[in-house]
Amino acid sequence: MKKSRDHLEMTFRSIECFSNDGKLDAQELGSILDIAERDGNIDADEIRVLKNIISKITPDEIDDAMQIKLDEIAEKIK
């Protein structure tokens, strides 16, 4: 079985999102989560990347939509 490289795509996508305006919004985070979920499994590399991306989100970026997305991710990767 070929090892997934989705975590690399997730990392690249997060760099694009942060670099376009310096912030990440709920829709952008959702699109990164979609990459992780598209094979039906969120693996350890994808979890590591998601946690790293989330660690870079600043408190001023967390609106209601972002909090909902963060809660959704927390539930899926616990």
N, C-alpha and C. Protein backbone atom coordinates (compact mmCIF):
# COMPACT_ATOMS: atom_id res chain seq x y z
N MET A 1 0.84 -1.20 0.00
CA MET A 1 0.00 0.00 0.00
C MET A 1 0.88 1.25 0.00
N LYS A 2 0.59 2.16 -0.88
CA LYS A 2 1.36 3.39 -1.00
C LYS A 2 1.04 4.34 0.15
N LYS A 3 2.07 4.90 0.76
CA LYS A 3 1.88 5.85 1.85
C LYS A 3 1.29 7.14 1.31
N SER A 4 0.31 7.66 2.01
CA SER A 4 -0.33 8.90 1.61
C SER A 4 0.63 10.08 1.71
N ARG A 5 0.54 10.96 0.76
CA ARG A 5 1.33 12.19 0.78
C ARG A 5 0.41 13.40 1.01
N ASP A 6 -0.82 13.13 1.44
CA ASP A 6 -1.78 14.21 1.65
C ASP A 6 -1.27 15.23 2.66
N HIS A 7 -0.51 14.77 3.66
CA HIS A 7 -0.01 15.72 4.67
C HIS A 7 0.89 16.78 4.03
N LEU A 8 1.60 16.41 2.97
CA LEU A 8 2.43 17.40 2.28
C LEU A 8 1.56 18.43 1.56
N GLU A 9 0.51 17.95 0.93
CA GLU A 9 -0.42 18.86 0.27
C GLU A 9 -1.09 19.77 1.29
N MET A 10 -1.44 19.22 2.46
CA MET A 10 -2.06 20.02 3.53
C MET A 10 -1.11 21.14 3.97
N THR A 11 0.16 20.79 4.14
CA THR A 11 1.16 21.78 4.55
C THR A 11 1.28 22.88 3.52
N PHE A 12 1.39 22.50 2.24
CA PHE A 12 1.50 23.48 1.17
C PHE A 12 0.27 24.38 1.13
N ARG A 13 -0.91 23.79 1.27
CA ARG A 13 -2.16 24.56 1.25
C ARG A 13 -2.21 25.55 2.42
N SER A 14 -1.75 25.13 3.59
CA SER A 14 -1.77 26.04 4.74
C SER A 14 -0.83 27.22 4.53
N ILE A 15 0.31 26.96 3.91
CA ILE A 15 1.26 28.04 3.61
C ILE A 15 0.61 29.04 2.67
N GLU A 16 -0.09 28.55 1.65
CA GLU A 16 -0.81 29.42 0.72
C GLU A 16 -1.84 30.27 1.47
N CYS A 17 -2.61 29.63 2.35
CA CYS A 17 -3.67 30.34 3.07
C CYS A 17 -3.11 31.41 3.98
N PHE A 18 -2.08 31.07 4.75
CA PHE A 18 -1.49 32.05 5.66
C PHE A 18 -0.80 33.17 4.91
N SER A 19 -0.22 32.86 3.75
CA SER A 19 0.54 33.89 3.04
C SER A 19 -0.34 34.87 2.27
N ASN A 20 -1.57 34.47 1.93
CA ASN A 20 -2.39 35.39 1.13
C ASN A 20 -2.84 36.61 1.93
N ASP A 21 -3.14 36.42 3.24
CA ASP A 21 -3.51 37.58 4.06
C ASP A 21 -2.95 37.48 5.47
N GLY A 22 -2.09 36.51 5.70
CA GLY A 22 -1.48 36.35 7.01
C GLY A 22 -2.36 35.64 8.02
N LYS A 23 -3.54 35.25 7.60
CA LYS A 23 -4.50 34.61 8.51
C LYS A 23 -5.08 33.37 7.87
N LEU A 24 -5.73 32.59 8.72
CA LEU A 24 -6.44 31.41 8.27
C LEU A 24 -7.87 31.54 8.71
N ASP A 25 -8.82 31.34 7.80
CA ASP A 25 -10.23 31.40 8.21
C ASP A 25 -10.82 29.99 8.21
N ALA A 26 -12.05 29.88 8.69
CA ALA A 26 -12.69 28.58 8.86
C ALA A 26 -12.82 27.84 7.53
N GLN A 27 -13.12 28.55 6.47
CA GLN A 27 -13.27 27.91 5.16
C GLN A 27 -11.93 27.33 4.69
N GLU A 28 -10.85 28.09 4.89
CA GLU A 28 -9.53 27.60 4.50
C GLU A 28 -9.14 26.38 5.33
N LEU A 29 -9.39 26.44 6.64
CA LEU A 29 -9.10 25.30 7.50
C LEU A 29 -9.93 24.09 7.09
N GLY A 30 -11.18 24.33 6.72
CA GLY A 30 -12.04 23.26 6.25
C GLY A 30 -11.51 22.60 4.99
N SER A 31 -10.94 23.40 4.09
CA SER A 31 -10.40 22.83 2.85
C SER A 31 -9.17 21.98 3.15
N ILE A 32 -8.40 22.35 4.17
CA ILE A 32 -7.24 21.55 4.58
C ILE A 32 -7.71 20.25 5.22
N LEU A 33 -8.75 20.33 6.04
CA LEU A 33 -9.33 19.12 6.64
C LEU A 33 -9.87 18.20 5.55
N ASP A 34 -10.47 18.76 4.52
CA ASP A 34 -10.99 17.95 3.41
C ASP A 34 -9.88 17.10 2.78
N ILE A 35 -8.69 17.67 2.65
CA ILE A 35 -7.56 16.92 2.09
C ILE A 35 -7.27 15.71 2.98
N ALA A 36 -7.26 15.94 4.29
CA ALA A 36 -6.96 14.85 5.23
C ALA A 36 -8.01 13.75 5.17
N GLU A 37 -9.26 14.13 4.95
CA GLU A 37 -10.36 13.17 5.00
C GLU A 37 -10.68 12.49 3.68
N ARG A 38 -10.12 12.93 2.60
CA ARG A 38 -10.57 12.44 1.29
C ARG A 38 -10.32 10.95 1.07
N ASP A 39 -9.36 10.37 1.79
CA ASP A 39 -9.15 8.93 1.65
C ASP A 39 -9.90 8.14 2.72
N GLY A 40 -10.73 8.83 3.50
CA GLY A 40 -11.54 8.17 4.50
C GLY A 40 -10.84 7.92 5.82
N ASN A 41 -9.61 8.40 5.94
CA ASN A 41 -8.83 8.15 7.15
C ASN A 41 -7.91 9.33 7.41
N ILE A 42 -7.90 9.82 8.64
CA ILE A 42 -6.95 10.86 9.02
C ILE A 42 -5.79 10.16 9.71
N ASP A 43 -4.64 10.09 9.03
CA ASP A 43 -3.50 9.34 9.58
C ASP A 43 -2.65 10.20 10.50
N ALA A 44 -1.63 9.59 11.09
CA ALA A 44 -0.79 10.28 12.08
C ALA A 44 -0.09 11.50 11.49
N ASP A 45 0.39 11.41 10.26
CA ASP A 45 1.05 12.55 9.62
C ASP A 45 0.07 13.70 9.43
N GLU A 46 -1.15 13.38 9.01
CA GLU A 46 -2.17 14.41 8.80
C GLU A 46 -2.57 15.05 10.13
N ILE A 47 -2.68 14.25 11.18
CA ILE A 47 -3.00 14.80 12.50
C ILE A 47 -1.89 15.74 12.96
N ARG A 48 -0.64 15.33 12.76
CA ARG A 48 0.49 16.18 13.14
C ARG A 48 0.43 17.51 12.41
N VAL A 49 0.15 17.47 11.11
CA VAL A 49 0.07 18.70 10.31
C VAL A 49 -1.10 19.56 10.79
N LEU A 50 -2.25 18.95 11.02
CA LEU A 50 -3.41 19.72 11.51
C LEU A 50 -3.09 20.41 12.83
N LYS A 51 -2.48 19.68 13.76
CA LYS A 51 -2.13 20.28 15.06
C LYS A 51 -1.14 21.42 14.88
N ASN A 52 -0.20 21.26 13.98
CA ASN A 52 0.78 22.31 13.73
C ASN A 52 0.10 23.55 13.14
N ILE A 53 -0.80 23.36 12.20
CA ILE A 53 -1.54 24.47 11.60
C ILE A 53 -2.37 25.18 12.66
N ILE A 54 -3.09 24.41 13.47
CA ILE A 54 -3.94 24.99 14.50
C ILE A 54 -3.11 25.77 15.51
N SER A 55 -1.90 25.31 15.81
CA SER A 55 -1.05 26.01 16.77
C SER A 55 -0.65 27.40 16.29
N LYS A 56 -0.75 27.65 15.00
CA LYS A 56 -0.38 28.95 14.44
C LYS A 56 -1.56 29.93 14.36
N ILE A 57 -2.74 29.45 14.67
CA ILE A 57 -3.92 30.32 14.64
C ILE A 57 -3.90 31.22 15.86
N THR A 58 -4.05 32.52 15.63
CA THR A 58 -4.03 33.47 16.73
C THR A 58 -5.45 33.69 17.27
N PRO A 59 -5.56 34.11 18.54
CA PRO A 59 -6.90 34.29 19.13
C PRO A 59 -7.81 35.22 18.33
N ASP A 60 -7.24 36.24 17.68
CA ASP A 60 -8.09 37.16 16.91
C ASP A 60 -8.64 36.53 15.63
N GLU A 61 -8.13 35.37 15.25
CA GLU A 61 -8.64 34.67 14.07
C GLU A 61 -9.81 33.75 14.43
N ILE A 62 -10.06 33.54 15.70
CA ILE A 62 -11.07 32.58 16.12
C ILE A 62 -12.42 33.28 16.29
N ASP A 63 -13.20 33.28 15.21
CA ASP A 63 -14.58 33.75 15.26
C ASP A 63 -15.47 32.54 15.47
N ASP A 64 -16.77 32.72 15.42
CA ASP A 64 -17.69 31.60 15.68
C ASP A 64 -17.48 30.46 14.69
N ALA A 65 -17.34 30.79 13.41
CA ALA A 65 -17.16 29.76 12.38
C ALA A 65 -15.86 28.99 12.61
N MET A 66 -14.80 29.70 12.97
CA MET A 66 -13.51 29.05 13.22
C MET A 66 -13.61 28.14 14.45
N GLN A 67 -14.30 28.59 15.50
CA GLN A 67 -14.43 27.77 16.70
C GLN A 67 -15.18 26.47 16.39
N ILE A 68 -16.22 26.58 15.58
CA ILE A 68 -16.97 25.38 15.18
C ILE A 68 -16.05 24.41 14.43
N LYS A 69 -15.25 24.94 13.51
CA LYS A 69 -14.32 24.10 12.73
C LYS A 69 -13.26 23.49 13.63
N LEU A 70 -12.74 24.26 14.58
CA LEU A 70 -11.73 23.74 15.51
C LEU A 70 -12.32 22.62 16.37
N ASP A 71 -13.55 22.81 16.84
CA ASP A 71 -14.23 21.78 17.63
C ASP A 71 -14.43 20.50 16.81
N GLU A 72 -14.82 20.68 15.55
CA GLU A 72 -15.02 19.54 14.64
C GLU A 72 -13.72 18.76 14.46
N ILE A 73 -12.63 19.48 14.25
CA ILE A 73 -11.33 18.83 14.06
C ILE A 73 -10.91 18.12 15.35
N ALA A 74 -11.08 18.78 16.49
CA ALA A 74 -10.69 18.19 17.76
C ALA A 74 -11.41 16.87 17.98
N GLU A 75 -12.68 16.82 17.61
CA GLU A 75 -13.48 15.61 17.76
C GLU A 75 -12.96 14.49 16.85
N LYS A 76 -12.50 14.86 15.66
CA LYS A 76 -12.07 13.85 14.68
C LYS A 76 -10.66 13.32 14.94
N ILE A 77 -9.83 14.09 15.63
CA ILE A 77 -8.43 13.66 15.78
C ILE A 77 -8.08 13.28 17.22
N LYS A 78 -9.07 13.17 18.07
CA LYS A 78 -8.74 12.81 19.46
C LYS A 78 -8.38 11.37 19.63
